[in-house]
């Protein structure tokens, strides 16, 4: 699917996606990644929900994120309760959804100037 969004304020936005790739600002990526409106961290080592550990997001802990959108691939999967508790103690909300839903939700929140982070497993 292609999005037809106007790039504003040099934000990182999702401009397209398919089952095995995502486009950030018209640049295609086929490996898991983390992004915020201002940062793009390529080649995130997480490939499946089972790969997520407490330290999987340590690169972003200093970014003052309000919400993490976790794209779990082509189907929605959920984190273990101990990981949900870990993020709750750090005052970070985390929502698990399939990649397509995560991409759409991220663009909306980024355009609303929310402190959002998108983590996609590809």
PDB file of N, CA and C in Angstrom:
ATOM      1  N   UNK A   1       0.843  -1.169   0.000  1.00  0.00           N
ATOM      2  CA  UNK A   1       0.000   0.000   0.000  1.00  0.00           C
ATOM      3  C   UNK A   1       0.889   1.233   0.000  1.00  0.00           C
ATOM      4  N   UNK A   2       0.519   2.215  -0.781  1.00  0.00           N
ATOM      5  CA  UNK A   2       1.220   3.496  -0.839  1.00  0.00           C
ATOM      6  C   UNK A   2       0.380   4.545  -0.131  1.00  0.00           C
ATOM      7  N   UNK A   3       1.046   5.394   0.633  1.00  0.00           N
ATOM      8  CA  UNK A   3       0.395   6.547   1.237  1.00  0.00           C
ATOM      9  C   UNK A   3       0.706   7.761   0.394  1.00  0.00           C
ATOM     10  N   UNK A   4      -0.207   8.686   0.352  1.00  0.00           N
ATOM     11  CA  UNK A   4       0.028   9.948  -0.331  1.00  0.00           C
ATOM     12  C   UNK A   4      -0.050  11.052   0.709  1.00  0.00           C
ATOM     13  N   UNK A   5       1.033  11.172   1.470  1.00  0.00           N
ATOM     14  CA  UNK A   5       1.109  12.173   2.524  1.00  0.00           C
ATOM     15  C   UNK A   5       2.066  13.275   2.130  1.00  0.00           C
ATOM     16  N   UNK A   6       1.799  14.437   2.629  1.00  0.00           N
ATOM     17  CA  UNK A   6       2.734  15.543   2.441  1.00  0.00           C
ATOM     18  C   UNK A   6       3.732  15.491   3.579  1.00  0.00           C
ATOM     19  N   UNK A   7       5.003  15.440   3.249  1.00  0.00           N
ATOM     20  CA  UNK A   7       6.066  15.436   4.250  1.00  0.00           C
ATOM     21  C   UNK A   7       6.132  16.821   4.864  1.00  0.00           C
ATOM     22  N   UNK A   8       5.956  16.910   6.167  1.00  0.00           N
ATOM     23  CA  UNK A   8       6.018  18.216   6.809  1.00  0.00           C
ATOM     24  C   UNK A   8       7.046  18.198   7.923  1.00  0.00           C
ATOM     25  N   UNK A   9       7.712  19.310   8.107  1.00  0.00           N
ATOM     26  CA  UNK A   9       8.669  19.483   9.196  1.00  0.00           C
ATOM     27  C   UNK A   9       9.755  18.411   9.218  1.00  0.00           C
ATOM     28  N   UNK A  10      10.065  17.834   8.080  1.00  0.00           N
ATOM     29  CA  UNK A  10      11.110  16.814   7.985  1.00  0.00           C
ATOM     30  C   UNK A  10      10.903  15.652   8.945  1.00  0.00           C
ATOM     31  N   UNK A  11       9.673  15.260   9.189  1.00  0.00           N
ATOM     32  CA  UNK A  11       9.366  14.127  10.053  1.00  0.00           C
ATOM     33  C   UNK A  11       9.593  12.829   9.298  1.00  0.00           C
ATOM     34  N   UNK A  12       9.952  11.790  10.042  1.00  0.00           N
ATOM     35  CA  UNK A  12       9.951  10.445   9.485  1.00  0.00           C
ATOM     36  C   UNK A  12       8.512   9.960   9.440  1.00  0.00           C
ATOM     37  N   UNK A  13       8.021   9.689   8.241  1.00  0.00           N
ATOM     38  CA  UNK A  13       6.672   9.178   8.070  1.00  0.00           C
ATOM     39  C   UNK A  13       6.713   7.933   7.197  1.00  0.00           C
ATOM     40  N   UNK A  14       5.734   7.076   7.402  1.00  0.00           N
ATOM     41  CA  UNK A  14       5.594   5.881   6.572  1.00  0.00           C
ATOM     42  C   UNK A  14       4.927   6.316   5.273  1.00  0.00           C
ATOM     43  N   UNK A  15       5.571   6.026   4.152  1.00  0.00           N
ATOM     44  CA  UNK A  15       5.018   6.408   2.846  1.00  0.00           C
ATOM     45  C   UNK A  15       4.533   5.205   2.051  1.00  0.00           C
ATOM     46  N   UNK A  16       4.755   3.998   2.562  1.00  0.00           N
ATOM     47  CA  UNK A  16       4.250   2.797   1.917  1.00  0.00           C
ATOM     48  C   UNK A  16       4.646   1.570   2.710  1.00  0.00           C
ATOM     49  N   UNK A  17       3.917   0.478   2.494  1.00  0.00           N
ATOM     50  CA  UNK A  17       4.279  -0.778   3.142  1.00  0.00           C
ATOM     51  C   UNK A  17       3.672  -1.932   2.376  1.00  0.00           C
ATOM     52  N   UNK A  18       4.228  -3.105   2.618  1.00  0.00           N
ATOM     53  CA  UNK A  18       3.714  -4.359   2.079  1.00  0.00           C
ATOM     54  C   UNK A  18       3.977  -5.415   3.149  1.00  0.00           C
ATOM     55  N   UNK A  19       3.783  -6.664   2.841  1.00  0.00           N
ATOM     56  CA  UNK A  19       3.969  -7.701   3.841  1.00  0.00           C
ATOM     57  C   UNK A  19       5.412  -7.825   4.323  1.00  0.00           C
ATOM     58  N   UNK A  20       6.391  -7.520   3.467  1.00  0.00           N
ATOM     59  CA  UNK A  20       7.793  -7.753   3.811  1.00  0.00           C
ATOM     60  C   UNK A  20       8.679  -6.519   3.768  1.00  0.00           C
ATOM     61  N   UNK A  21       8.097  -5.338   3.647  1.00  0.00           N
ATOM     62  CA  UNK A  21       8.885  -4.115   3.611  1.00  0.00           C
ATOM     63  C   UNK A  21       8.064  -2.924   4.091  1.00  0.00           C
ATOM     64  N   UNK A  22       8.784  -1.845   4.366  1.00  0.00           N
ATOM     65  CA  UNK A  22       8.151  -0.586   4.734  1.00  0.00           C
ATOM     66  C   UNK A  22       8.953   0.530   4.086  1.00  0.00           C
ATOM     67  N   UNK A  23       8.283   1.590   3.677  1.00  0.00           N
ATOM     68  CA  UNK A  23       8.954   2.767   3.141  1.00  0.00           C
ATOM     69  C   UNK A  23       8.868   3.893   4.163  1.00  0.00           C
ATOM     70  N   UNK A  24      10.031   4.462   4.484  1.00  0.00           N
ATOM     71  CA  UNK A  24      10.111   5.634   5.351  1.00  0.00           C
ATOM     72  C   UNK A  24      10.608   6.773   4.476  1.00  0.00           C
ATOM     73  N   UNK A  25       9.762   7.788   4.309  1.00  0.00           N
ATOM     74  CA  UNK A  25      10.108   8.932   3.448  1.00  0.00           C
ATOM     75  C   UNK A  25      10.577   8.468   2.069  1.00  0.00           C
ATOM     76  N   UNK A  26       9.837   7.573   1.460  1.00  0.00           N
ATOM     77  CA  UNK A  26      10.064   7.018   0.125  1.00  0.00           C
ATOM     78  C   UNK A  26      11.308   6.117   0.023  1.00  0.00           C
ATOM     79  N   UNK A  27      11.906   5.726   1.133  1.00  0.00           N
ATOM     80  CA  UNK A  27      13.049   4.812   1.100  1.00  0.00           C
ATOM     81  C   UNK A  27      12.620   3.462   1.675  1.00  0.00           C
ATOM     82  N   UNK A  28      12.766   2.404   0.886  1.00  0.00           N
ATOM     83  CA  UNK A  28      12.303   1.072   1.259  1.00  0.00           C
ATOM     84  C   UNK A  28      13.298   0.376   2.199  1.00  0.00           C
ATOM     85  N   UNK A  29      12.723  -0.289   3.231  1.00  0.00           N
ATOM     86  CA  UNK A  29      13.511  -1.055   4.193  1.00  0.00           C
ATOM     87  C   UNK A  29      12.889  -2.441   4.337  1.00  0.00           C
ATOM     88  N   UNK A  30      13.737  -3.468   4.426  1.00  0.00           N
ATOM     89  CA  UNK A  30      13.243  -4.842   4.527  1.00  0.00           C
ATOM     90  C   UNK A  30      13.730  -5.539   5.793  1.00  0.00           C
ATOM     91  N   UNK A  31      14.298  -4.802   6.729  1.00  0.00           N
ATOM     92  CA  UNK A  31      14.713  -5.366   8.009  1.00  0.00           C
ATOM     93  C   UNK A  31      14.007  -4.617   9.133  1.00  0.00           C
ATOM     94  N   UNK A  32      13.895  -5.269  10.269  1.00  0.00           N
ATOM     95  CA  UNK A  32      13.236  -4.662  11.428  1.00  0.00           C
ATOM     96  C   UNK A  32      13.880  -3.324  11.756  1.00  0.00           C
ATOM     97  N   UNK A  33      13.064  -2.384  12.198  1.00  0.00           N
ATOM     98  CA  UNK A  33      13.569  -1.044  12.494  1.00  0.00           C
ATOM     99  C   UNK A  33      12.776  -0.384  13.603  1.00  0.00           C
ATOM    100  N   UNK A  34      13.377   0.657  14.155  1.00  0.00           N
ATOM    101  CA  UNK A  34      12.741   1.525  15.143  1.00  0.00           C
ATOM    102  C   UNK A  34      12.791   2.935  14.590  1.00  0.00           C
ATOM    103  N   UNK A  35      11.686   3.667  14.750  1.00  0.00           N
ATOM    104  CA  UNK A  35      11.692   5.054  14.294  1.00  0.00           C
ATOM    105  C   UNK A  35      10.810   5.924  15.174  1.00  0.00           C
ATOM    106  N   UNK A  36      11.202   7.179  15.225  1.00  0.00           N
ATOM    107  CA  UNK A  36      10.393   8.225  15.822  1.00  0.00           C
ATOM    108  C   UNK A  36      10.253   9.300  14.741  1.00  0.00           C
ATOM    109  N   UNK A  37       9.473  10.325  14.981  1.00  0.00           N
ATOM    110  CA  UNK A  37       9.408  11.388  13.973  1.00  0.00           C
ATOM    111  C   UNK A  37      10.759  12.015  13.663  1.00  0.00           C
ATOM    112  N   UNK A  38      11.735  11.900  14.597  1.00  0.00           N
ATOM    113  CA  UNK A  38      13.035  12.548  14.410  1.00  0.00           C
ATOM    114  C   UNK A  38      14.212  11.599  14.246  1.00  0.00           C
ATOM    115  N   UNK A  39      14.038  10.317  14.547  1.00  0.00           N
ATOM    116  CA  UNK A  39      15.148   9.364  14.492  1.00  0.00           C
ATOM    117  C   UNK A  39      14.737   8.107  13.736  1.00  0.00           C
ATOM    118  N   UNK A  40      15.731   7.495  13.103  1.00  0.00           N
ATOM    119  CA  UNK A  40      15.517   6.237  12.399  1.00  0.00           C
ATOM    120  C   UNK A  40      16.675   5.309  12.737  1.00  0.00           C
ATOM    121  N   UNK A  41      16.365   4.199  13.400  1.00  0.00           N
ATOM    122  CA  UNK A  41      17.362   3.208  13.785  1.00  0.00           C
ATOM    123  C   UNK A  41      17.115   1.951  12.954  1.00  0.00           C
ATOM    124  N   UNK A  42      17.978   1.727  11.999  1.00  0.00           N
ATOM    125  CA  UNK A  42      17.807   0.610  11.078  1.00  0.00           C
ATOM    126  C   UNK A  42      18.413  -0.666  11.644  1.00  0.00           C
ATOM    127  N   UNK A  43      17.950  -1.768  11.120  1.00  0.00           N
ATOM    128  CA  UNK A  43      18.452  -3.092  11.468  1.00  0.00           C
ATOM    129  C   UNK A  43      18.335  -3.391  12.959  1.00  0.00           C
ATOM    130  N   UNK A  44      17.159  -3.175  13.496  1.00  0.00           N
ATOM    131  CA  UNK A  44      16.828  -3.579  14.859  1.00  0.00           C
ATOM    132  C   UNK A  44      16.904  -5.098  14.903  1.00  0.00           C
ATOM    133  N   UNK A  45      17.609  -5.708  15.851  1.00  0.00           N
ATOM    134  CA  UNK A  45      17.834  -7.155  15.812  1.00  0.00           C
ATOM    135  C   UNK A  45      16.613  -8.016  16.141  1.00  0.00           C
ATOM    136  N   UNK A  46      15.504  -7.425  16.503  1.00  0.00           N
ATOM    137  CA  UNK A  46      14.302  -8.187  16.850  1.00  0.00           C
ATOM    138  C   UNK A  46      13.578  -8.632  15.581  1.00  0.00           C
ATOM    139  N   UNK A  47      13.343  -9.927  15.467  1.00  0.00           N
ATOM    140  CA  UNK A  47      12.647 -10.479  14.294  1.00  0.00           C
ATOM    141  C   UNK A  47      11.265 -11.034  14.643  1.00  0.00           C
ATOM    142  N   UNK A  48      11.103 -11.529  15.887  1.00  0.00           N
ATOM    143  CA  UNK A  48       9.822 -12.088  16.333  1.00  0.00           C
ATOM    144  C   UNK A  48       9.524 -11.568  17.732  1.00  0.00           C
ATOM    145  N   UNK A  49       8.304 -11.741  18.166  1.00  0.00           N
ATOM    146  CA  UNK A  49       7.889 -11.291  19.495  1.00  0.00           C
ATOM    147  C   UNK A  49       8.710 -11.969  20.585  1.00  0.00           C
ATOM    148  N   UNK A  50       9.150 -13.191  20.338  1.00  0.00           N
ATOM    149  CA  UNK A  50       9.959 -13.924  21.323  1.00  0.00           C
ATOM    150  C   UNK A  50      11.356 -13.318  21.494  1.00  0.00           C
ATOM    151  N   UNK A  51      11.808 -12.520  20.532  1.00  0.00           N
ATOM    152  CA  UNK A  51      13.122 -11.871  20.620  1.00  0.00           C
ATOM    153  C   UNK A  51      13.122 -10.644  21.530  1.00  0.00           C
ATOM    154  N   UNK A  52      11.955 -10.164  21.919  1.00  0.00           N
ATOM    155  CA  UNK A  52      11.889  -8.932  22.707  1.00  0.00           C
ATOM    156  C   UNK A  52      12.244  -9.216  24.155  1.00  0.00           C
ATOM    157  N   UNK A  53      13.188  -8.458  24.654  1.00  0.00           N
ATOM    158  CA  UNK A  53      13.666  -8.536  26.040  1.00  0.00           C
ATOM    159  C   UNK A  53      13.562  -7.141  26.648  1.00  0.00           C
ATOM    160  N   UNK A  54      13.849  -7.052  27.941  1.00  0.00           N
ATOM    161  CA  UNK A  54      13.809  -5.753  28.610  1.00  0.00           C
ATOM    162  C   UNK A  54      14.739  -4.743  27.945  1.00  0.00           C
ATOM    163  N   UNK A  55      15.862  -5.196  27.416  1.00  0.00           N
ATOM    164  CA  UNK A  55      16.826  -4.267  26.823  1.00  0.00           C
ATOM    165  C   UNK A  55      16.617  -4.023  25.329  1.00  0.00           C
ATOM    166  N   UNK A  56      15.560  -4.537  24.750  1.00  0.00           N
ATOM    167  CA  UNK A  56      15.327  -4.374  23.308  1.00  0.00           C
ATOM    168  C   UNK A  56      15.110  -2.922  22.904  1.00  0.00           C
ATOM    169  N   UNK A  57      14.731  -2.082  23.845  1.00  0.00           N
ATOM    170  CA  UNK A  57      14.461  -0.676  23.548  1.00  0.00           C
ATOM    171  C   UNK A  57      15.417   0.268  24.273  1.00  0.00           C
ATOM    172  N   UNK A  58      16.531  -0.245  24.770  1.00  0.00           N
ATOM    173  CA  UNK A  58      17.420   0.618  25.542  1.00  0.00           C
ATOM    174  C   UNK A  58      17.999   1.767  24.716  1.00  0.00           C
ATOM    175  N   UNK A  59      18.074   1.614  23.421  1.00  0.00           N
ATOM    176  CA  UNK A  59      18.593   2.696  22.568  1.00  0.00           C
ATOM    177  C   UNK A  59      17.670   3.907  22.561  1.00  0.00           C
ATOM    178  N   UNK A  60      16.420   3.732  22.966  1.00  0.00           N
ATOM    179  CA  UNK A  60      15.464   4.838  22.892  1.00  0.00           C
ATOM    180  C   UNK A  60      15.027   5.344  24.260  1.00  0.00           C
ATOM    181  N   UNK A  61      15.542   4.768  25.330  1.00  0.00           N
ATOM    182  CA  UNK A  61      15.063   5.128  26.663  1.00  0.00           C
ATOM    183  C   UNK A  61      15.245   6.602  26.998  1.00  0.00           C
ATOM    184  N   UNK A  62      16.210   7.254  26.409  1.00  0.00           N
ATOM    185  CA  UNK A  62      16.444   8.671  26.706  1.00  0.00           C
ATOM    186  C   UNK A  62      15.597   9.606  25.841  1.00  0.00           C
ATOM    187  N   UNK A  63      14.739   9.060  24.975  1.00  0.00           N
ATOM    188  CA  UNK A  63      13.988   9.894  24.038  1.00  0.00           C
ATOM    189  C   UNK A  63      12.672  10.438  24.584  1.00  0.00           C
ATOM    190  N   UNK A  64      12.280  10.093  25.809  1.00  0.00           N
ATOM    191  CA  UNK A  64      11.051  10.604  26.402  1.00  0.00           C
ATOM    192  C   UNK A  64       9.823  10.258  25.556  1.00  0.00           C
ATOM    193  N   UNK A  65       9.657   8.990  25.275  1.00  0.00           N
ATOM    194  CA  UNK A  65       8.563   8.485  24.444  1.00  0.00           C
ATOM    195  C   UNK A  65       7.305   8.305  25.289  1.00  0.00           C
ATOM    196  N   UNK A  66       6.138   8.693  24.737  1.00  0.00           N
ATOM    197  CA  UNK A  66       4.857   8.480  25.413  1.00  0.00           C
ATOM    198  C   UNK A  66       4.278   7.111  25.091  1.00  0.00           C
ATOM    199  N   UNK A  67       4.398   6.712  23.833  1.00  0.00           N
ATOM    200  CA  UNK A  67       3.773   5.473  23.397  1.00  0.00           C
ATOM    201  C   UNK A  67       4.668   4.759  22.390  1.00  0.00           C
ATOM    202  N   UNK A  68       4.751   3.456  22.560  1.00  0.00           N
ATOM    203  CA  UNK A  68       5.465   2.598  21.618  1.00  0.00           C
ATOM    204  C   UNK A  68       4.421   1.801  20.851  1.00  0.00           C
ATOM    205  N   UNK A  69       4.477   1.889  19.537  1.00  0.00           N
ATOM    206  CA  UNK A  69       3.639   1.056  18.674  1.00  0.00           C
ATOM    207  C   UNK A  69       4.518  -0.090  18.196  1.00  0.00           C
ATOM    208  N   UNK A  70       4.183  -1.292  18.589  1.00  0.00           N
ATOM    209  CA  UNK A  70       4.973  -2.464  18.244  1.00  0.00           C
ATOM    210  C   UNK A  70       4.276  -3.229  17.130  1.00  0.00           C
ATOM    211  N   UNK A  71       4.849  -3.162  15.932  1.00  0.00           N
ATOM    212  CA  UNK A  71       4.340  -3.923  14.798  1.00  0.00           C
ATOM    213  C   UNK A  71       4.914  -5.323  14.858  1.00  0.00           C
ATOM    214  N   UNK A  72       4.052  -6.313  15.031  1.00  0.00           N
ATOM    215  CA  UNK A  72       4.495  -7.684  15.274  1.00  0.00           C
ATOM    216  C   UNK A  72       4.501  -8.543  14.020  1.00  0.00           C
ATOM    217  N   UNK A  73       4.564  -7.918  12.867  1.00  0.00           N
ATOM    218  CA  UNK A  73       4.570  -8.664  11.613  1.00  0.00           C
ATOM    219  C   UNK A  73       3.199  -8.632  10.962  1.00  0.00           C
ATOM    220  N   UNK A  74       2.886  -9.681  10.246  1.00  0.00           N
ATOM    221  CA  UNK A  74       1.634  -9.716   9.485  1.00  0.00           C
ATOM    222  C   UNK A  74       0.418 -10.079  10.330  1.00  0.00           C
ATOM    223  N   UNK A  75       0.660 -10.588  11.548  1.00  0.00           N
ATOM    224  CA  UNK A  75      -0.447 -10.863  12.468  1.00  0.00           C
ATOM    225  C   UNK A  75      -0.140 -10.201  13.810  1.00  0.00           C
ATOM    226  N   UNK A  76      -1.186  -9.869  14.525  1.00  0.00           N
ATOM    227  CA  UNK A  76      -1.017  -9.249  15.836  1.00  0.00           C
ATOM    228  C   UNK A  76      -0.632 -10.317  16.857  1.00  0.00           C
ATOM    229  N   UNK A  77       0.422 -10.034  17.600  1.00  0.00           N
ATOM    230  CA  UNK A  77       0.836 -10.889  18.707  1.00  0.00           C
ATOM    231  C   UNK A  77       0.973 -10.000  19.932  1.00  0.00           C
ATOM    232  N   UNK A  78       1.043 -10.627  21.103  1.00  0.00           N
ATOM    233  CA  UNK A  78       1.082  -9.853  22.344  1.00  0.00           C
ATOM    234  C   UNK A  78       2.328 -10.176  23.151  1.00  0.00           C
ATOM    235  N   UNK A  79       2.803  -9.173  23.877  1.00  0.00           N
ATOM    236  CA  UNK A  79       3.963  -9.342  24.753  1.00  0.00           C
ATOM    237  C   UNK A  79       3.581 -10.129  26.000  1.00  0.00           C
ATOM    238  N   UNK A  80       4.583 -10.749  26.591  1.00  0.00           N
ATOM    239  CA  UNK A  80       4.383 -11.436  27.860  1.00  0.00           C
ATOM    240  C   UNK A  80       4.043 -10.403  28.936  1.00  0.00           C
ATOM    241  N   UNK A  81       3.218 -10.784  29.925  1.00  0.00           N
ATOM    242  CA  UNK A  81       2.841  -9.835  30.986  1.00  0.00           C
ATOM    243  C   UNK A  81       4.042  -9.213  31.704  1.00  0.00           C
ATOM    244  N   UNK A  82       5.136  -9.950  31.890  1.00  0.00           N
ATOM    245  CA  UNK A  82       6.296  -9.387  32.590  1.00  0.00           C
ATOM    246  C   UNK A  82       6.893  -8.223  31.801  1.00  0.00           C
ATOM    247  N   UNK A  83       6.845  -8.294  30.456  1.00  0.00           N
ATOM    248  CA  UNK A  83       7.358  -7.193  29.640  1.00  0.00           C
ATOM    249  C   UNK A  83       6.415  -5.995  29.678  1.00  0.00           C
ATOM    250  N   UNK A  84       5.117  -6.245  29.696  1.00  0.00           N
ATOM    251  CA  UNK A  84       4.158  -5.144  29.827  1.00  0.00           C
ATOM    252  C   UNK A  84       4.373  -4.416  31.152  1.00  0.00           C
ATOM    253  N   UNK A  85       4.625  -5.169  32.200  1.00  0.00           N
ATOM    254  CA  UNK A  85       4.886  -4.569  33.509  1.00  0.00           C
ATOM    255  C   UNK A  85       6.179  -3.751  33.485  1.00  0.00           C
ATOM    256  N   UNK A  86       7.198  -4.265  32.818  1.00  0.00           N
ATOM    257  CA  UNK A  86       8.476  -3.558  32.698  1.00  0.00           C
ATOM    258  C   UNK A  86       8.271  -2.184  32.049  1.00  0.00           C
ATOM    259  N   UNK A  87       7.536  -2.139  30.937  1.00  0.00           N
ATOM    260  CA  UNK A  87       7.299  -0.859  30.253  1.00  0.00           C
ATOM    261  C   UNK A  87       6.410   0.062  31.083  1.00  0.00           C
ATOM    262  N   UNK A  88       5.454  -0.508  31.788  1.00  0.00           N
ATOM    263  CA  UNK A  88       4.587   0.290  32.644  1.00  0.00           C
ATOM    264  C   UNK A  88       5.398   0.984  33.744  1.00  0.00           C
ATOM    265  N   UNK A  89       6.356   0.278  34.329  1.00  0.00           N
ATOM    266  CA  UNK A  89       7.203   0.867  35.371  1.00  0.00           C
ATOM    267  C   UNK A  89       8.064   2.005  34.821  1.00  0.00           C
ATOM    268  N   UNK A  90       8.336   1.997  33.532  1.00  0.00           N
ATOM    269  CA  UNK A  90       9.121   3.063  32.889  1.00  0.00           C
ATOM    270  C   UNK A  90       8.213   4.159  32.330  1.00  0.00           C
ATOM    271  N   UNK A  91       6.913   4.094  32.640  1.00  0.00           N
ATOM    272  CA  UNK A  91       5.920   5.062  32.180  1.00  0.00           C
ATOM    273  C   UNK A  91       5.849   5.143  30.659  1.00  0.00           C
ATOM    274  N   UNK A  92       5.984   3.985  30.002  1.00  0.00           N
ATOM    275  CA  UNK A  92       5.851   3.915  28.549  1.00  0.00           C
ATOM    276  C   UNK A  92       4.697   2.982  28.215  1.00  0.00           C
ATOM    277  N   UNK A  93       3.724   3.506  27.496  1.00  0.00           N
ATOM    278  CA  UNK A  93       2.633   2.667  27.016  1.00  0.00           C
ATOM    279  C   UNK A  93       3.123   1.930  25.782  1.00  0.00           C
ATOM    280  N   UNK A  94       2.769   0.661  25.655  1.00  0.00           N
ATOM    281  CA  UNK A  94       3.159  -0.105  24.480  1.00  0.00           C
ATOM    282  C   UNK A  94       1.918  -0.804  23.935  1.00  0.00           C
ATOM    283  N   UNK A  95       1.691  -0.635  22.645  1.00  0.00           N
ATOM    284  CA  UNK A  95       0.546  -1.232  21.966  1.00  0.00           C
ATOM    285  C   UNK A  95       1.049  -2.172  20.889  1.00  0.00           C
ATOM    286  N   UNK A  96       0.596  -3.401  20.919  1.00  0.00           N
ATOM    287  CA  UNK A  96       0.976  -4.398  19.917  1.00  0.00           C
ATOM    288  C   UNK A  96      -0.111  -4.480  18.857  1.00  0.00           C
ATOM    289  N   UNK A  97       0.310  -4.489  17.598  1.00  0.00           N
ATOM    290  CA  UNK A  97      -0.631  -4.611  16.478  1.00  0.00           C
ATOM    291  C   UNK A  97       0.128  -5.141  15.270  1.00  0.00           C
ATOM    292  N   UNK A  98      -0.592  -5.505  14.234  1.00  0.00           N
ATOM    293  CA  UNK A  98       0.119  -5.952  13.033  1.00  0.00           C
ATOM    294  C   UNK A  98       0.821  -4.744  12.404  1.00  0.00           C
ATOM    295  N   UNK A  99       1.775  -5.020  11.526  1.00  0.00           N
ATOM    296  CA  UNK A  99       2.578  -3.929  10.956  1.00  0.00           C
ATOM    297  C   UNK A  99       1.743  -2.907  10.205  1.00  0.00           C
ATOM    298  N   UNK A 100       0.741  -3.357   9.473  1.00  0.00           N
ATOM    299  CA  UNK A 100      -0.069  -2.422   8.699  1.00  0.00           C
ATOM    300  C   UNK A 100      -0.792  -1.430   9.606  1.00  0.00           C
ATOM    301  N   UNK A 101      -1.396  -1.932  10.679  1.00  0.00           N
ATOM    302  CA  UNK A 101      -2.084  -1.051  11.628  1.00  0.00           C
ATOM    303  C   UNK A 101      -1.105  -0.139  12.347  1.00  0.00           C
ATOM    304  N   UNK A 102       0.066  -0.681  12.701  1.00  0.00           N
ATOM    305  CA  UNK A 102       1.074   0.121  13.392  1.00  0.00           C
ATOM    306  C   UNK A 102       1.550   1.283  12.517  1.00  0.00           C
ATOM    307  N   UNK A 103       1.739   1.026  11.220  1.00  0.00           N
ATOM    308  CA  UNK A 103       2.182   2.079  10.299  1.00  0.00           C
ATOM    309  C   UNK A 103       1.148   3.194  10.192  1.00  0.00           C
ATOM    310  N   UNK A 104      -0.106   2.820  10.028  1.00  0.00           N
ATOM    311  CA  UNK A 104      -1.154   3.836   9.908  1.00  0.00           C
ATOM    312  C   UNK A 104      -1.286   4.660  11.191  1.00  0.00           C
ATOM    313  N   UNK A 105      -1.272   3.976  12.333  1.00  0.00           N
ATOM    314  CA  UNK A 105      -1.416   4.660  13.620  1.00  0.00           C
ATOM    315  C   UNK A 105      -0.230   5.579  13.877  1.00  0.00           C
ATOM    316  N   UNK A 106       0.966   5.112  13.559  1.00  0.00           N
ATOM    317  CA  UNK A 106       2.166   5.935  13.739  1.00  0.00           C
ATOM    318  C   UNK A 106       2.044   7.252  12.978  1.00  0.00           C
ATOM    319  N   UNK A 107       1.654   7.204  11.701  1.00  0.00           N
ATOM    320  CA  UNK A 107       1.551   8.435  10.910  1.00  0.00           C
ATOM    321  C   UNK A 107       0.573   9.421  11.530  1.00  0.00           C
ATOM    322  N   UNK A 108      -0.530   8.928  12.031  1.00  0.00           N
ATOM    323  CA  UNK A 108      -1.519   9.811  12.660  1.00  0.00           C
ATOM    324  C   UNK A 108      -0.918  10.481  13.892  1.00  0.00           C
ATOM    325  N   UNK A 109      -0.317   9.672  14.767  1.00  0.00           N
ATOM    326  CA  UNK A 109       0.241  10.223  16.006  1.00  0.00           C
ATOM    327  C   UNK A 109       1.436  11.142  15.737  1.00  0.00           C
ATOM    328  N   UNK A 110       2.272  10.796  14.783  1.00  0.00           N
ATOM    329  CA  UNK A 110       3.415  11.653  14.449  1.00  0.00           C
ATOM    330  C   UNK A 110       2.944  13.008  13.936  1.00  0.00           C
ATOM    331  N   UNK A 111       1.894  13.013  13.124  1.00  0.00           N
ATOM    332  CA  UNK A 111       1.364  14.276  12.608  1.00  0.00           C
ATOM    333  C   UNK A 111       0.658  15.094  13.682  1.00  0.00           C
ATOM    334  N   UNK A 112       0.254  14.443  14.768  1.00  0.00           N
ATOM    335  CA  UNK A 112      -0.337  15.155  15.896  1.00  0.00           C
ATOM    336  C   UNK A 112       0.728  15.637  16.878  1.00  0.00           C
ATOM    337  N   UNK A 113       2.008  15.480  16.507  1.00  0.00           N
ATOM    338  CA  UNK A 113       3.135  15.907  17.341  1.00  0.00           C
ATOM    339  C   UNK A 113       3.242  15.118  18.636  1.00  0.00           C
ATOM    340  N   UNK A 114       2.743  13.882  18.645  1.00  0.00           N
ATOM    341  CA  UNK A 114       2.861  13.025  19.825  1.00  0.00           C
ATOM    342  C   UNK A 114       4.270  12.439  19.901  1.00  0.00           C
ATOM    343  N   UNK A 115       4.689  12.078  21.099  1.00  0.00           N
ATOM    344  CA  UNK A 115       5.998  11.460  21.303  1.00  0.00           C
ATOM    345  C   UNK A 115       5.840   9.953  21.107  1.00  0.00           C
ATOM    346  N   UNK A 116       5.835   9.556  19.856  1.00  0.00           N
ATOM    347  CA  UNK A 116       5.537   8.182  19.466  1.00  0.00           C
ATOM    348  C   UNK A 116       6.778   7.509  18.901  1.00  0.00           C
ATOM    349  N   UNK A 117       6.862   6.209  19.129  1.00  0.00           N
ATOM    350  CA  UNK A 117       7.921   5.396  18.574  1.00  0.00           C
ATOM    351  C   UNK A 117       7.277   4.216  17.876  1.00  0.00           C
ATOM    352  N   UNK A 118       7.756   3.913  16.677  1.00  0.00           N
ATOM    353  CA  UNK A 118       7.281   2.756  15.920  1.00  0.00           C
ATOM    354  C   UNK A 118       8.405   1.740  15.879  1.00  0.00           C
ATOM    355  N   UNK A 119       8.128   0.531  16.305  1.00  0.00           N
ATOM    356  CA  UNK A 119       9.082  -0.579  16.216  1.00  0.00           C
ATOM    357  C   UNK A 119       8.435  -1.656  15.357  1.00  0.00           C
ATOM    358  N   UNK A 120       9.036  -1.929  14.208  1.00  0.00           N
ATOM    359  CA  UNK A 120       8.464  -2.901  13.263  1.00  0.00           C
ATOM    360  C   UNK A 120       9.345  -4.132  13.157  1.00  0.00           C
ATOM    361  N   UNK A 121       8.719  -5.285  13.249  1.00  0.00           N
ATOM    362  CA  UNK A 121       9.416  -6.553  13.010  1.00  0.00           C
ATOM    363  C   UNK A 121       9.169  -6.967  11.585  1.00  0.00           C
ATOM    364  N   UNK A 122      10.233  -6.996  10.799  1.00  0.00           N
ATOM    365  CA  UNK A 122      10.128  -7.381   9.383  1.00  0.00           C
ATOM    366  C   UNK A 122      10.935  -8.644   9.142  1.00  0.00           C
TER     367      UNK A 122
END
